């Protein structure tokens, strides 16, 4: 009974991987969404105003300066964290996709996007994985 249950679950997982395998249209939507997200990272980080209640009204100017410096610190840390993902990929320059050179390899359970013989993206279970970003996370 246990073996039968394992086989049924394995077949279900295989069927789900086959049914949700992304295709070329999904890849185009992924690239458009990624480009939009990359272009709006810097513009979405608007200045943050932090308001604090003070006990005395004489310290209002000092509280405003503290709030401004705190907001600047938060914005600087947000910009640093946004650019840290590109700093991790400093070893390899980002690859520019050329539509004429991009090759899609469709396997039964996943899809691979290659350019110049190098695997750039892997699509599995309805998601795209940036292989260059994964390589940057792994210890060498």
C-alpha atoms as a PDB file:
ATOM      1  CA  UNK A   1       0.000   0.000   0.000  1.00  0.00           C
ATOM      2  CA  UNK A   2       2.847   2.352   0.860  1.00  0.00           C
ATOM      3  CA  UNK A   3       4.579   1.692  -2.464  1.00  0.00           C
ATOM      4  CA  UNK A   4       1.333   2.312  -4.348  1.00  0.00           C
ATOM      5  CA  UNK A   5       0.897   5.668  -2.592  1.00  0.00           C
ATOM      6  CA  UNK A   6       4.481   6.683  -3.432  1.00  0.00           C
ATOM      7  CA  UNK A   7       3.952   5.785  -7.107  1.00  0.00           C
ATOM      8  CA  UNK A   8       0.672   7.726  -7.265  1.00  0.00           C
ATOM      9  CA  UNK A   9       2.278  10.820  -5.694  1.00  0.00           C
ATOM     10  CA  UNK A  10       5.288  10.600  -8.031  1.00  0.00           C
ATOM     11  CA  UNK A  11       3.000  10.350 -11.063  1.00  0.00           C
ATOM     12  CA  UNK A  12       0.975  13.301  -9.785  1.00  0.00           C
ATOM     13  CA  UNK A  13       4.124  15.383  -9.375  1.00  0.00           C
ATOM     14  CA  UNK A  14       5.282  14.425 -12.864  1.00  0.00           C
ATOM     15  CA  UNK A  15       1.892  15.319 -14.353  1.00  0.00           C
ATOM     16  CA  UNK A  16       1.937  18.695 -12.561  1.00  0.00           C
ATOM     17  CA  UNK A  17       5.437  19.453 -13.867  1.00  0.00           C
ATOM     18  CA  UNK A  18       4.367  18.535 -17.405  1.00  0.00           C
ATOM     19  CA  UNK A  19       1.144  20.557 -17.266  1.00  0.00           C
ATOM     20  CA  UNK A  20       2.776  23.706 -15.825  1.00  0.00           C
ATOM     21  CA  UNK A  21       5.898  23.717 -17.991  1.00  0.00           C
ATOM     22  CA  UNK A  22       6.355  27.319 -19.229  1.00  0.00           C
ATOM     23  CA  UNK A  23       6.607  28.126 -22.937  1.00  0.00           C
ATOM     24  CA  UNK A  24       7.980  30.956 -25.091  1.00  0.00           C
ATOM     25  CA  UNK A  25       5.026  33.282 -24.401  1.00  0.00           C
ATOM     26  CA  UNK A  26       5.528  32.817 -20.662  1.00  0.00           C
ATOM     27  CA  UNK A  27       9.194  33.683 -21.120  1.00  0.00           C
ATOM     28  CA  UNK A  28       8.317  36.872 -23.006  1.00  0.00           C
ATOM     29  CA  UNK A  29       5.911  37.875 -20.205  1.00  0.00           C
ATOM     30  CA  UNK A  30       8.592  37.075 -17.605  1.00  0.00           C
ATOM     31  CA  UNK A  31      11.161  39.269 -19.361  1.00  0.00           C
ATOM     32  CA  UNK A  32       8.690  42.148 -19.697  1.00  0.00           C
ATOM     33  CA  UNK A  33       7.757  41.891 -16.012  1.00  0.00           C
ATOM     34  CA  UNK A  34      11.420  41.688 -14.995  1.00  0.00           C
ATOM     35  CA  UNK A  35      12.351  44.713 -17.127  1.00  0.00           C
ATOM     36  CA  UNK A  36       9.483  46.711 -15.643  1.00  0.00           C
ATOM     37  CA  UNK A  37      10.476  45.725 -12.101  1.00  0.00           C
ATOM     38  CA  UNK A  38      14.140  46.609 -12.723  1.00  0.00           C
ATOM     39  CA  UNK A  39      13.241  50.007 -14.167  1.00  0.00           C
ATOM     40  CA  UNK A  40      10.906  50.924 -11.312  1.00  0.00           C
ATOM     41  CA  UNK A  41      13.155  49.941  -8.396  1.00  0.00           C
ATOM     42  CA  UNK A  42      14.861  53.317  -8.175  1.00  0.00           C
ATOM     43  CA  UNK A  43      11.720  55.341  -8.900  1.00  0.00           C
ATOM     44  CA  UNK A  44       9.643  53.467  -6.332  1.00  0.00           C
ATOM     45  CA  UNK A  45      12.012  54.435  -3.516  1.00  0.00           C
ATOM     46  CA  UNK A  46      10.482  57.796  -2.707  1.00  0.00           C
ATOM     47  CA  UNK A  47      11.677  59.813   0.306  1.00  0.00           C
ATOM     48  CA  UNK A  48      10.256  58.445   3.500  1.00  0.00           C
ATOM     49  CA  UNK A  49       8.974  60.865   6.115  1.00  0.00           C
ATOM     50  CA  UNK A  50       9.162  59.592   9.660  1.00  0.00           C
ATOM     51  CA  UNK A  51       7.169  61.614  12.158  1.00  0.00           C
ATOM     52  CA  UNK A  52       7.856  61.388  15.856  1.00  0.00           C
ATOM     53  CA  UNK A  53       5.954  62.917  18.719  1.00  0.00           C
ATOM     54  CA  UNK A  54       8.132  64.973  20.976  1.00  0.00           C
ATOM     55  CA  UNK A  55       7.502  65.903  24.591  1.00  0.00           C
ATOM     56  CA  UNK A  56       8.465  69.541  24.179  1.00  0.00           C
ATOM     57  CA  UNK A  57       7.749  71.843  21.274  1.00  0.00           C
ATOM     58  CA  UNK A  58      11.231  73.368  21.578  1.00  0.00           C
ATOM     59  CA  UNK A  59      12.791  70.212  20.174  1.00  0.00           C
ATOM     60  CA  UNK A  60      10.655  70.249  17.030  1.00  0.00           C
ATOM     61  CA  UNK A  61      13.549  71.320  14.800  1.00  0.00           C
ATOM     62  CA  UNK A  62      15.816  68.631  16.274  1.00  0.00           C
ATOM     63  CA  UNK A  63      13.099  66.013  15.786  1.00  0.00           C
ATOM     64  CA  UNK A  64      12.607  67.092  12.170  1.00  0.00           C
ATOM     65  CA  UNK A  65      16.356  66.815  11.526  1.00  0.00           C
ATOM     66  CA  UNK A  66      16.430  63.374  13.152  1.00  0.00           C
ATOM     67  CA  UNK A  67      13.481  62.257  11.037  1.00  0.00           C
ATOM     68  CA  UNK A  68      15.158  63.513   7.867  1.00  0.00           C
ATOM     69  CA  UNK A  69      18.442  61.783   8.694  1.00  0.00           C
ATOM     70  CA  UNK A  70      16.582  58.566   9.540  1.00  0.00           C
ATOM     71  CA  UNK A  71      14.678  58.743   6.256  1.00  0.00           C
ATOM     72  CA  UNK A  72      17.942  59.282   4.363  1.00  0.00           C
ATOM     73  CA  UNK A  73      19.513  56.297   6.138  1.00  0.00           C
ATOM     74  CA  UNK A  74      16.523  54.092   5.279  1.00  0.00           C
ATOM     75  CA  UNK A  75      16.600  55.169   1.647  1.00  0.00           C
ATOM     76  CA  UNK A  76      20.359  54.607   1.395  1.00  0.00           C
ATOM     77  CA  UNK A  77      20.054  51.106   2.862  1.00  0.00           C
ATOM     78  CA  UNK A  78      17.175  50.321   0.475  1.00  0.00           C
ATOM     79  CA  UNK A  79      19.244  51.437  -2.516  1.00  0.00           C
ATOM     80  CA  UNK A  80      22.213  49.404  -1.298  1.00  0.00           C
ATOM     81  CA  UNK A  81      20.081  46.284  -0.890  1.00  0.00           C
ATOM     82  CA  UNK A  82      18.558  46.808  -4.335  1.00  0.00           C
ATOM     83  CA  UNK A  83      21.998  47.057  -5.923  1.00  0.00           C
ATOM     84  CA  UNK A  84      23.497  44.188  -3.896  1.00  0.00           C
ATOM     85  CA  UNK A  85      22.014  41.628  -6.267  1.00  0.00           C
ATOM     86  CA  UNK A  86      23.932  43.200  -9.141  1.00  0.00           C
ATOM     87  CA  UNK A  87      27.069  43.384  -7.003  1.00  0.00           C
ATOM     88  CA  UNK A  88      26.903  39.626  -6.485  1.00  0.00           C
ATOM     89  CA  UNK A  89      26.975  39.185 -10.255  1.00  0.00           C
ATOM     90  CA  UNK A  90      30.023  41.453 -10.611  1.00  0.00           C
ATOM     91  CA  UNK A  91      32.131  38.429 -11.584  1.00  0.00           C
ATOM     92  CA  UNK A  92      30.151  37.894 -14.769  1.00  0.00           C
ATOM     93  CA  UNK A  93      28.676  40.754 -16.767  1.00  0.00           C
ATOM     94  CA  UNK A  94      24.953  40.437 -17.405  1.00  0.00           C
ATOM     95  CA  UNK A  95      24.126  38.703 -20.659  1.00  0.00           C
ATOM     96  CA  UNK A  96      22.096  40.693 -23.176  1.00  0.00           C
ATOM     97  CA  UNK A  97      19.469  38.536 -24.826  1.00  0.00           C
ATOM     98  CA  UNK A  98      19.602  38.582 -28.606  1.00  0.00           C
ATOM     99  CA  UNK A  99      16.320  37.252 -30.068  1.00  0.00           C
ATOM    100  CA  UNK A 100      18.146  35.903 -33.112  1.00  0.00           C
ATOM    101  CA  UNK A 101      20.531  33.819 -30.978  1.00  0.00           C
ATOM    102  CA  UNK A 102      18.119  32.636 -28.252  1.00  0.00           C
ATOM    103  CA  UNK A 103      17.360  28.930 -28.418  1.00  0.00           C
ATOM    104  CA  UNK A 104      14.507  27.203 -26.554  1.00  0.00           C
ATOM    105  CA  UNK A 105      14.963  23.565 -25.607  1.00  0.00           C
ATOM    106  CA  UNK A 106      11.731  21.968 -24.504  1.00  0.00           C
ATOM    107  CA  UNK A 107      12.167  18.912 -22.316  1.00  0.00           C
ATOM    108  CA  UNK A 108       9.241  16.888 -21.015  1.00  0.00           C
ATOM    109  CA  UNK A 109       9.184  18.478 -17.551  1.00  0.00           C
ATOM    110  CA  UNK A 110      11.098  21.757 -17.999  1.00  0.00           C
ATOM    111  CA  UNK A 111      12.214  24.323 -20.583  1.00  0.00           C
ATOM    112  CA  UNK A 112      15.730  25.711 -21.058  1.00  0.00           C
ATOM    113  CA  UNK A 113      16.649  29.015 -22.719  1.00  0.00           C
ATOM    114  CA  UNK A 114      20.162  29.042 -24.193  1.00  0.00           C
ATOM    115  CA  UNK A 115      22.247  31.646 -25.957  1.00  0.00           C
ATOM    116  CA  UNK A 116      25.659  30.860 -27.445  1.00  0.00           C
ATOM    117  CA  UNK A 117      25.579  27.413 -25.825  1.00  0.00           C
ATOM    118  CA  UNK A 118      25.135  28.841 -22.324  1.00  0.00           C
ATOM    119  CA  UNK A 119      21.977  28.134 -20.327  1.00  0.00           C
ATOM    120  CA  UNK A 120      20.508  31.470 -19.233  1.00  0.00           C
ATOM    121  CA  UNK A 121      17.068  30.553 -17.883  1.00  0.00           C
ATOM    122  CA  UNK A 122      15.319  27.379 -16.798  1.00  0.00           C
ATOM    123  CA  UNK A 123      11.532  27.163 -16.687  1.00  0.00           C
ATOM    124  CA  UNK A 124       9.895  24.643 -14.393  1.00  0.00           C
ATOM    125  CA  UNK A 125       6.513  24.442 -12.609  1.00  0.00           C
ATOM    126  CA  UNK A 126       5.336  27.685 -14.236  1.00  0.00           C
ATOM    127  CA  UNK A 127       8.341  29.705 -13.007  1.00  0.00           C
ATOM    128  CA  UNK A 128      11.524  30.974 -14.645  1.00  0.00           C
ATOM    129  CA  UNK A 129      14.878  30.702 -12.872  1.00  0.00           C
ATOM    130  CA  UNK A 130      17.741  33.044 -13.810  1.00  0.00           C
ATOM    131  CA  UNK A 131      20.725  30.664 -13.883  1.00  0.00           C
ATOM    132  CA  UNK A 132      23.286  33.481 -13.748  1.00  0.00           C
ATOM    133  CA  UNK A 133      21.743  34.757 -10.517  1.00  0.00           C
ATOM    134  CA  UNK A 134      21.788  31.234  -9.055  1.00  0.00           C
ATOM    135  CA  UNK A 135      25.454  30.826 -10.000  1.00  0.00           C
ATOM    136  CA  UNK A 136      26.205  34.091  -8.159  1.00  0.00           C
ATOM    137  CA  UNK A 137      24.591  32.740  -4.990  1.00  0.00           C
ATOM    138  CA  UNK A 138      26.471  29.447  -4.968  1.00  0.00           C
ATOM    139  CA  UNK A 139      29.930  29.357  -3.390  1.00  0.00           C
ATOM    140  CA  UNK A 140      32.667  28.815  -5.932  1.00  0.00           C
END
